[in-house]
């Protein structure tokens, strides 16, 4: 009540408060699943298969994943053995690619009362693109080596961000429950469907975020109390 009364309203901004009842109702309308694994690209492939399986499950709709808003991006896959022999690290290659595509941030120019950001980049006549990367020379400190000689360049759709914890990347899938009263049932059914994916060693379907796991944890805390 104090926040609703005292938080200032700014032009062009909408302020919205959610009470516990509304938040709980919204939670019961969705189920969440996670896949875990060491390689984010492989995880995306398994995640796409998981989305397909959940879309075929009666009772679930609006299945979404990080690939939904993933944009077409340039993929640079380094030949790690060849790059190592040439004395090039992934970090060094990334710095050169960043310079070619986005320019380099210089220290701000300061004058009384203001600071002016300075960036060195290509002009409008030299728009950087895939062709720029193919011809890009990577500086190793002693020499320059073409990026295309130790890497493969391509376009592909990918997540905008990668979540990683303890060396494991995660891929989150959400779905709307048509009937909130069946949330637990559909969560278990979705988990069973994802477990049919032939995952290699090191990859797994997370069970910590399922409805059953949360209810078991809540019951455990209740019994402890």
C-alpha atoms as a PDB file:
ATOM      1  CA  UNK A   1       0.000   0.000   0.000  1.00  0.00           C
ATOM      2  CA  UNK A   2       2.870   2.384   0.800  1.00  0.00           C
ATOM      3  CA  UNK A   3       4.568   1.655  -2.518  1.00  0.00           C
ATOM      4  CA  UNK A   4       1.367   2.197  -4.466  1.00  0.00           C
ATOM      5  CA  UNK A   5       0.969   5.530  -2.691  1.00  0.00           C
ATOM      6  CA  UNK A   6       4.559   6.801  -2.622  1.00  0.00           C
ATOM      7  CA  UNK A   7       6.412   5.439  -5.685  1.00  0.00           C
ATOM      8  CA  UNK A   8       6.737   8.365  -8.117  1.00  0.00           C
ATOM      9  CA  UNK A   9       5.105   8.153 -11.528  1.00  0.00           C
ATOM     10  CA  UNK A  10       7.276   9.175 -14.477  1.00  0.00           C
ATOM     11  CA  UNK A  11       5.916  10.241 -17.876  1.00  0.00           C
ATOM     12  CA  UNK A  12       6.149   7.470 -20.477  1.00  0.00           C
ATOM     13  CA  UNK A  13       6.378   4.712 -17.837  1.00  0.00           C
ATOM     14  CA  UNK A  14       3.648   2.357 -16.663  1.00  0.00           C
ATOM     15  CA  UNK A  15       3.801   1.044 -13.117  1.00  0.00           C
ATOM     16  CA  UNK A  16       2.158  -2.302 -12.415  1.00  0.00           C
ATOM     17  CA  UNK A  17       1.789  -4.124  -9.106  1.00  0.00           C
ATOM     18  CA  UNK A  18       1.180  -7.871  -8.844  1.00  0.00           C
ATOM     19  CA  UNK A  19      -0.429  -9.258  -5.741  1.00  0.00           C
ATOM     20  CA  UNK A  20       0.182 -12.788  -4.471  1.00  0.00           C
ATOM     21  CA  UNK A  21      -3.091 -14.150  -5.807  1.00  0.00           C
ATOM     22  CA  UNK A  22      -2.405 -12.932  -9.332  1.00  0.00           C
ATOM     23  CA  UNK A  23       1.194 -14.171  -9.228  1.00  0.00           C
ATOM     24  CA  UNK A  24       0.090 -17.610  -7.981  1.00  0.00           C
ATOM     25  CA  UNK A  25      -2.553 -17.873 -10.701  1.00  0.00           C
ATOM     26  CA  UNK A  26       0.013 -16.991 -13.350  1.00  0.00           C
ATOM     27  CA  UNK A  27       2.431 -19.610 -11.979  1.00  0.00           C
ATOM     28  CA  UNK A  28      -0.187 -22.340 -12.174  1.00  0.00           C
ATOM     29  CA  UNK A  29      -0.766 -21.567 -15.843  1.00  0.00           C
ATOM     30  CA  UNK A  30       2.738 -22.625 -16.908  1.00  0.00           C
ATOM     31  CA  UNK A  31       5.194 -25.489 -16.559  1.00  0.00           C
ATOM     32  CA  UNK A  32       8.962 -25.256 -17.023  1.00  0.00           C
ATOM     33  CA  UNK A  33      11.544 -27.830 -18.088  1.00  0.00           C
ATOM     34  CA  UNK A  34      15.341 -27.651 -18.347  1.00  0.00           C
ATOM     35  CA  UNK A  35      17.968 -29.599 -20.249  1.00  0.00           C
ATOM     36  CA  UNK A  36      21.577 -29.532 -19.046  1.00  0.00           C
ATOM     37  CA  UNK A  37      24.825 -30.317 -20.837  1.00  0.00           C
ATOM     38  CA  UNK A  38      28.409 -29.162 -21.441  1.00  0.00           C
ATOM     39  CA  UNK A  39      28.031 -27.979 -25.060  1.00  0.00           C
ATOM     40  CA  UNK A  40      25.493 -25.194 -25.669  1.00  0.00           C
ATOM     41  CA  UNK A  41      25.146 -25.890 -29.402  1.00  0.00           C
ATOM     42  CA  UNK A  42      24.445 -29.585 -28.881  1.00  0.00           C
ATOM     43  CA  UNK A  43      22.043 -28.613 -26.120  1.00  0.00           C
ATOM     44  CA  UNK A  44      20.114 -26.407 -28.549  1.00  0.00           C
ATOM     45  CA  UNK A  45      19.726 -29.364 -30.907  1.00  0.00           C
ATOM     46  CA  UNK A  46      18.321 -31.550 -28.117  1.00  0.00           C
ATOM     47  CA  UNK A  47      16.211 -28.608 -26.940  1.00  0.00           C
ATOM     48  CA  UNK A  48      14.599 -28.256 -30.372  1.00  0.00           C
ATOM     49  CA  UNK A  49      13.683 -31.966 -30.226  1.00  0.00           C
ATOM     50  CA  UNK A  50      12.265 -31.422 -26.734  1.00  0.00           C
ATOM     51  CA  UNK A  51      10.089 -28.556 -27.974  1.00  0.00           C
ATOM     52  CA  UNK A  52       8.701 -30.824 -30.708  1.00  0.00           C
ATOM     53  CA  UNK A  53       7.846 -33.548 -28.181  1.00  0.00           C
ATOM     54  CA  UNK A  54       6.099 -31.114 -25.832  1.00  0.00           C
ATOM     55  CA  UNK A  55       4.100 -29.555 -28.674  1.00  0.00           C
ATOM     56  CA  UNK A  56       2.669 -33.015 -29.396  1.00  0.00           C
ATOM     57  CA  UNK A  57       1.592 -33.479 -25.765  1.00  0.00           C
ATOM     58  CA  UNK A  58      -2.192 -32.892 -25.299  1.00  0.00           C
ATOM     59  CA  UNK A  59      -2.899 -30.263 -22.661  1.00  0.00           C
ATOM     60  CA  UNK A  60       0.166 -28.105 -23.347  1.00  0.00           C
ATOM     61  CA  UNK A  61       0.237 -25.122 -25.692  1.00  0.00           C
ATOM     62  CA  UNK A  62       2.427 -22.122 -26.524  1.00  0.00           C
ATOM     63  CA  UNK A  63       5.651 -24.067 -26.044  1.00  0.00           C
ATOM     64  CA  UNK A  64       8.555 -21.594 -26.061  1.00  0.00           C
ATOM     65  CA  UNK A  65      12.342 -21.823 -25.800  1.00  0.00           C
ATOM     66  CA  UNK A  66      15.369 -19.508 -26.159  1.00  0.00           C
ATOM     67  CA  UNK A  67      15.340 -20.266 -29.901  1.00  0.00           C
ATOM     68  CA  UNK A  68      12.015 -18.478 -30.319  1.00  0.00           C
ATOM     69  CA  UNK A  69      13.638 -15.031 -30.433  1.00  0.00           C
ATOM     70  CA  UNK A  70      17.036 -16.277 -31.579  1.00  0.00           C
ATOM     71  CA  UNK A  71      18.379 -14.263 -34.486  1.00  0.00           C
ATOM     72  CA  UNK A  72      20.482 -15.407 -37.422  1.00  0.00           C
ATOM     73  CA  UNK A  73      24.065 -14.997 -36.251  1.00  0.00           C
ATOM     74  CA  UNK A  74      27.508 -15.500 -37.706  1.00  0.00           C
ATOM     75  CA  UNK A  75      29.055 -18.697 -36.372  1.00  0.00           C
ATOM     76  CA  UNK A  76      32.818 -18.976 -36.206  1.00  0.00           C
ATOM     77  CA  UNK A  77      33.963 -22.515 -35.406  1.00  0.00           C
ATOM     78  CA  UNK A  78      37.673 -22.703 -34.681  1.00  0.00           C
ATOM     79  CA  UNK A  79      39.843 -25.707 -35.442  1.00  0.00           C
ATOM     80  CA  UNK A  80      41.366 -25.756 -31.955  1.00  0.00           C
ATOM     81  CA  UNK A  81      44.292 -28.043 -32.850  1.00  0.00           C
ATOM     82  CA  UNK A  82      45.288 -25.993 -35.891  1.00  0.00           C
ATOM     83  CA  UNK A  83      44.803 -22.687 -34.055  1.00  0.00           C
ATOM     84  CA  UNK A  84      47.014 -23.898 -31.217  1.00  0.00           C
ATOM     85  CA  UNK A  85      49.781 -24.854 -33.641  1.00  0.00           C
ATOM     86  CA  UNK A  86      49.541 -21.385 -35.164  1.00  0.00           C
ATOM     87  CA  UNK A  87      49.737 -19.764 -31.731  1.00  0.00           C
ATOM     88  CA  UNK A  88      46.177 -18.362 -31.822  1.00  0.00           C
ATOM     89  CA  UNK A  89      43.752 -18.495 -28.899  1.00  0.00           C
ATOM     90  CA  UNK A  90      39.967 -18.193 -29.046  1.00  0.00           C
ATOM     91  CA  UNK A  91      40.218 -14.943 -27.075  1.00  0.00           C
ATOM     92  CA  UNK A  92      42.682 -13.481 -29.575  1.00  0.00           C
ATOM     93  CA  UNK A  93      40.472 -14.419 -32.523  1.00  0.00           C
ATOM     94  CA  UNK A  94      37.406 -12.943 -30.783  1.00  0.00           C
ATOM     95  CA  UNK A  95      39.171  -9.627 -30.199  1.00  0.00           C
ATOM     96  CA  UNK A  96      40.024  -9.353 -33.900  1.00  0.00           C
ATOM     97  CA  UNK A  97      36.465 -10.260 -34.947  1.00  0.00           C
ATOM     98  CA  UNK A  98      35.032  -7.717 -32.507  1.00  0.00           C
ATOM     99  CA  UNK A  99      37.278  -5.038 -33.976  1.00  0.00           C
ATOM    100  CA  UNK A 100      36.187  -5.873 -37.525  1.00  0.00           C
ATOM    101  CA  UNK A 101      32.444  -5.929 -36.821  1.00  0.00           C
ATOM    102  CA  UNK A 102      31.920  -3.435 -34.017  1.00  0.00           C
ATOM    103  CA  UNK A 103      34.997  -1.246 -33.875  1.00  0.00           C
ATOM    104  CA  UNK A 104      37.118  -0.511 -30.830  1.00  0.00           C
ATOM    105  CA  UNK A 105      36.115   1.642 -27.875  1.00  0.00           C
ATOM    106  CA  UNK A 106      38.730   4.271 -27.043  1.00  0.00           C
ATOM    107  CA  UNK A 107      39.027   6.247 -23.812  1.00  0.00           C
ATOM    108  CA  UNK A 108      36.403   8.991 -23.663  1.00  0.00           C
ATOM    109  CA  UNK A 109      37.444  12.454 -24.805  1.00  0.00           C
ATOM    110  CA  UNK A 110      36.936  14.737 -21.834  1.00  0.00           C
ATOM    111  CA  UNK A 111      36.371  18.462 -21.853  1.00  0.00           C
ATOM    112  CA  UNK A 112      34.847  20.777 -19.265  1.00  0.00           C
ATOM    113  CA  UNK A 113      31.290  19.692 -18.526  1.00  0.00           C
ATOM    114  CA  UNK A 114      31.064  16.585 -20.712  1.00  0.00           C
ATOM    115  CA  UNK A 115      32.649  13.365 -21.969  1.00  0.00           C
ATOM    116  CA  UNK A 116      32.550  12.271 -25.604  1.00  0.00           C
ATOM    117  CA  UNK A 117      32.770   8.520 -26.397  1.00  0.00           C
ATOM    118  CA  UNK A 118      35.199   7.621 -29.182  1.00  0.00           C
ATOM    119  CA  UNK A 119      34.940   4.493 -31.315  1.00  0.00           C
ATOM    120  CA  UNK A 120      37.158   3.466 -34.241  1.00  0.00           C
ATOM    121  CA  UNK A 121      35.119   1.552 -36.831  1.00  0.00           C
ATOM    122  CA  UNK A 122      34.610   1.094 -40.568  1.00  0.00           C
ATOM    123  CA  UNK A 123      32.908   3.931 -42.437  1.00  0.00           C
ATOM    124  CA  UNK A 124      29.606   3.517 -44.320  1.00  0.00           C
ATOM    125  CA  UNK A 125      31.405   2.510 -47.505  1.00  0.00           C
ATOM    126  CA  UNK A 126      33.091  -0.415 -45.720  1.00  0.00           C
ATOM    127  CA  UNK A 127      30.194  -2.225 -44.058  1.00  0.00           C
ATOM    128  CA  UNK A 128      31.624  -5.226 -42.279  1.00  0.00           C
ATOM    129  CA  UNK A 129      30.026  -8.596 -42.962  1.00  0.00           C
ATOM    130  CA  UNK A 130      30.778 -12.247 -43.649  1.00  0.00           C
ATOM    131  CA  UNK A 131      33.091 -11.271 -46.482  1.00  0.00           C
ATOM    132  CA  UNK A 132      35.035  -9.094 -44.065  1.00  0.00           C
ATOM    133  CA  UNK A 133      35.541 -12.067 -41.744  1.00  0.00           C
ATOM    134  CA  UNK A 134      36.696 -14.344 -44.574  1.00  0.00           C
ATOM    135  CA  UNK A 135      39.413 -11.832 -45.434  1.00  0.00           C
ATOM    136  CA  UNK A 136      40.169 -10.916 -41.832  1.00  0.00           C
ATOM    137  CA  UNK A 137      43.799 -11.183 -40.748  1.00  0.00           C
ATOM    138  CA  UNK A 138      44.218 -12.260 -37.105  1.00  0.00           C
ATOM    139  CA  UNK A 139      47.230 -10.743 -35.359  1.00  0.00           C
ATOM    140  CA  UNK A 140      49.227 -13.212 -33.280  1.00  0.00           C
ATOM    141  CA  UNK A 141      51.848 -10.726 -32.097  1.00  0.00           C
ATOM    142  CA  UNK A 142      54.492 -11.894 -34.544  1.00  0.00           C
ATOM    143  CA  UNK A 143      52.480 -12.317 -37.734  1.00  0.00           C
ATOM    144  CA  UNK A 144      48.993 -12.212 -39.245  1.00  0.00           C
ATOM    145  CA  UNK A 145      47.005 -15.297 -40.251  1.00  0.00           C
ATOM    146  CA  UNK A 146      43.723 -15.363 -42.237  1.00  0.00           C
ATOM    147  CA  UNK A 147      40.768 -16.263 -40.021  1.00  0.00           C
ATOM    148  CA  UNK A 148      39.367 -18.570 -42.735  1.00  0.00           C
ATOM    149  CA  UNK A 149      42.540 -20.705 -42.670  1.00  0.00           C
ATOM    150  CA  UNK A 150      41.786 -22.136 -39.205  1.00  0.00           C
ATOM    151  CA  UNK A 151      38.006 -21.728 -38.833  1.00  0.00           C
ATOM    152  CA  UNK A 152      34.680 -22.378 -40.554  1.00  0.00           C
ATOM    153  CA  UNK A 153      32.301 -19.442 -41.040  1.00  0.00           C
ATOM    154  CA  UNK A 154      28.547 -19.829 -41.417  1.00  0.00           C
ATOM    155  CA  UNK A 155      25.150 -18.368 -40.494  1.00  0.00           C
ATOM    156  CA  UNK A 156      22.892 -20.062 -37.951  1.00  0.00           C
ATOM    157  CA  UNK A 157      20.063 -19.377 -35.513  1.00  0.00           C
ATOM    158  CA  UNK A 158      21.135 -19.405 -31.894  1.00  0.00           C
ATOM    159  CA  UNK A 159      20.045 -18.281 -28.433  1.00  0.00           C
ATOM    160  CA  UNK A 160      20.786 -14.683 -27.568  1.00  0.00           C
ATOM    161  CA  UNK A 161      22.384 -15.731 -24.281  1.00  0.00           C
ATOM    162  CA  UNK A 162      23.894 -18.853 -22.711  1.00  0.00           C
ATOM    163  CA  UNK A 163      23.224 -19.785 -19.093  1.00  0.00           C
ATOM    164  CA  UNK A 164      26.026 -21.820 -17.561  1.00  0.00           C
ATOM    165  CA  UNK A 165      26.557 -23.060 -14.007  1.00  0.00           C
ATOM    166  CA  UNK A 166      29.301 -25.369 -12.737  1.00  0.00           C
ATOM    167  CA  UNK A 167      30.411 -26.039 -16.301  1.00  0.00           C
ATOM    168  CA  UNK A 168      26.890 -27.006 -17.422  1.00  0.00           C
ATOM    169  CA  UNK A 169      24.844 -24.967 -19.873  1.00  0.00           C
ATOM    170  CA  UNK A 170      21.056 -25.057 -19.535  1.00  0.00           C
ATOM    171  CA  UNK A 171      18.220 -24.861 -22.053  1.00  0.00           C
ATOM    172  CA  UNK A 172      14.838 -23.790 -20.664  1.00  0.00           C
ATOM    173  CA  UNK A 173      11.490 -24.747 -22.209  1.00  0.00           C
ATOM    174  CA  UNK A 174       8.194 -23.247 -21.009  1.00  0.00           C
ATOM    175  CA  UNK A 175       4.645 -24.246 -21.915  1.00  0.00           C
ATOM    176  CA  UNK A 176       1.179 -23.011 -21.067  1.00  0.00           C
ATOM    177  CA  UNK A 177      -1.140 -25.424 -19.266  1.00  0.00           C
ATOM    178  CA  UNK A 178      -4.622 -25.485 -20.801  1.00  0.00           C
ATOM    179  CA  UNK A 179      -6.145 -26.599 -17.477  1.00  0.00           C
ATOM    180  CA  UNK A 180      -4.313 -25.323 -14.339  1.00  0.00           C
ATOM    181  CA  UNK A 181      -5.861 -28.175 -12.320  1.00  0.00           C
ATOM    182  CA  UNK A 182      -3.752 -30.601 -14.410  1.00  0.00           C
ATOM    183  CA  UNK A 183      -0.466 -28.738 -13.899  1.00  0.00           C
ATOM    184  CA  UNK A 184       1.197 -31.546 -11.872  1.00  0.00           C
ATOM    185  CA  UNK A 185      -0.074 -34.221 -14.264  1.00  0.00           C
ATOM    186  CA  UNK A 186       1.136 -32.374 -17.369  1.00  0.00           C
ATOM    187  CA  UNK A 187       4.468 -31.522 -15.750  1.00  0.00           C
ATOM    188  CA  UNK A 188       5.092 -35.229 -15.080  1.00  0.00           C
ATOM    189  CA  UNK A 189       3.959 -36.141 -18.603  1.00  0.00           C
ATOM    190  CA  UNK A 190       6.254 -33.526 -20.132  1.00  0.00           C
ATOM    191  CA  UNK A 191       9.184 -34.763 -18.056  1.00  0.00           C
ATOM    192  CA  UNK A 192       8.523 -38.332 -19.206  1.00  0.00           C
ATOM    193  CA  UNK A 193       8.412 -37.170 -22.841  1.00  0.00           C
ATOM    194  CA  UNK A 194      11.741 -35.349 -22.557  1.00  0.00           C
ATOM    195  CA  UNK A 195      13.352 -38.396 -20.964  1.00  0.00           C
ATOM    196  CA  UNK A 196      12.746 -40.322 -24.202  1.00  0.00           C
ATOM    197  CA  UNK A 197      15.378 -38.164 -25.938  1.00  0.00           C
ATOM    198  CA  UNK A 198      18.543 -40.168 -26.540  1.00  0.00           C
ATOM    199  CA  UNK A 199      20.932 -37.919 -24.616  1.00  0.00           C
ATOM    200  CA  UNK A 200      24.672 -38.712 -24.663  1.00  0.00           C
ATOM    201  CA  UNK A 201      26.774 -38.926 -21.553  1.00  0.00           C
ATOM    202  CA  UNK A 202      27.012 -35.604 -19.723  1.00  0.00           C
ATOM    203  CA  UNK A 203      23.562 -34.407 -20.817  1.00  0.00           C
ATOM    204  CA  UNK A 204      20.429 -34.700 -18.698  1.00  0.00           C
ATOM    205  CA  UNK A 205      16.866 -33.546 -18.165  1.00  0.00           C
ATOM    206  CA  UNK A 206      16.688 -31.408 -15.034  1.00  0.00           C
ATOM    207  CA  UNK A 207      14.070 -32.362 -12.482  1.00  0.00           C
ATOM    208  CA  UNK A 208      14.663 -29.591  -9.936  1.00  0.00           C
ATOM    209  CA  UNK A 209      12.204 -27.190 -11.601  1.00  0.00           C
ATOM    210  CA  UNK A 210       9.354 -29.635 -12.116  1.00  0.00           C
ATOM    211  CA  UNK A 211       6.102 -29.238 -10.212  1.00  0.00           C
ATOM    212  CA  UNK A 212       6.615 -32.560  -8.446  1.00  0.00           C
ATOM    213  CA  UNK A 213      10.098 -31.603  -7.250  1.00  0.00           C
ATOM    214  CA  UNK A 214       8.899 -28.224  -5.969  1.00  0.00           C
ATOM    215  CA  UNK A 215       5.958 -29.767  -4.150  1.00  0.00           C
ATOM    216  CA  UNK A 216       8.220 -32.395  -2.562  1.00  0.00           C
ATOM    217  CA  UNK A 217      10.613 -29.671  -1.389  1.00  0.00           C
ATOM    218  CA  UNK A 218       7.758 -27.611   0.019  1.00  0.00           C
ATOM    219  CA  UNK A 219       6.397 -30.661   1.849  1.00  0.00           C
ATOM    220  CA  UNK A 220       9.878 -31.416   3.226  1.00  0.00           C
ATOM    221  CA  UNK A 221      10.171 -27.854   4.558  1.00  0.00           C
ATOM    222  CA  UNK A 222       6.673 -28.114   6.022  1.00  0.00           C
ATOM    223  CA  UNK A 223       7.511 -31.373   7.821  1.00  0.00           C
ATOM    224  CA  UNK A 224      10.757 -29.848   9.127  1.00  0.00           C
ATOM    225  CA  UNK A 225       8.822 -26.843  10.442  1.00  0.00           C
END
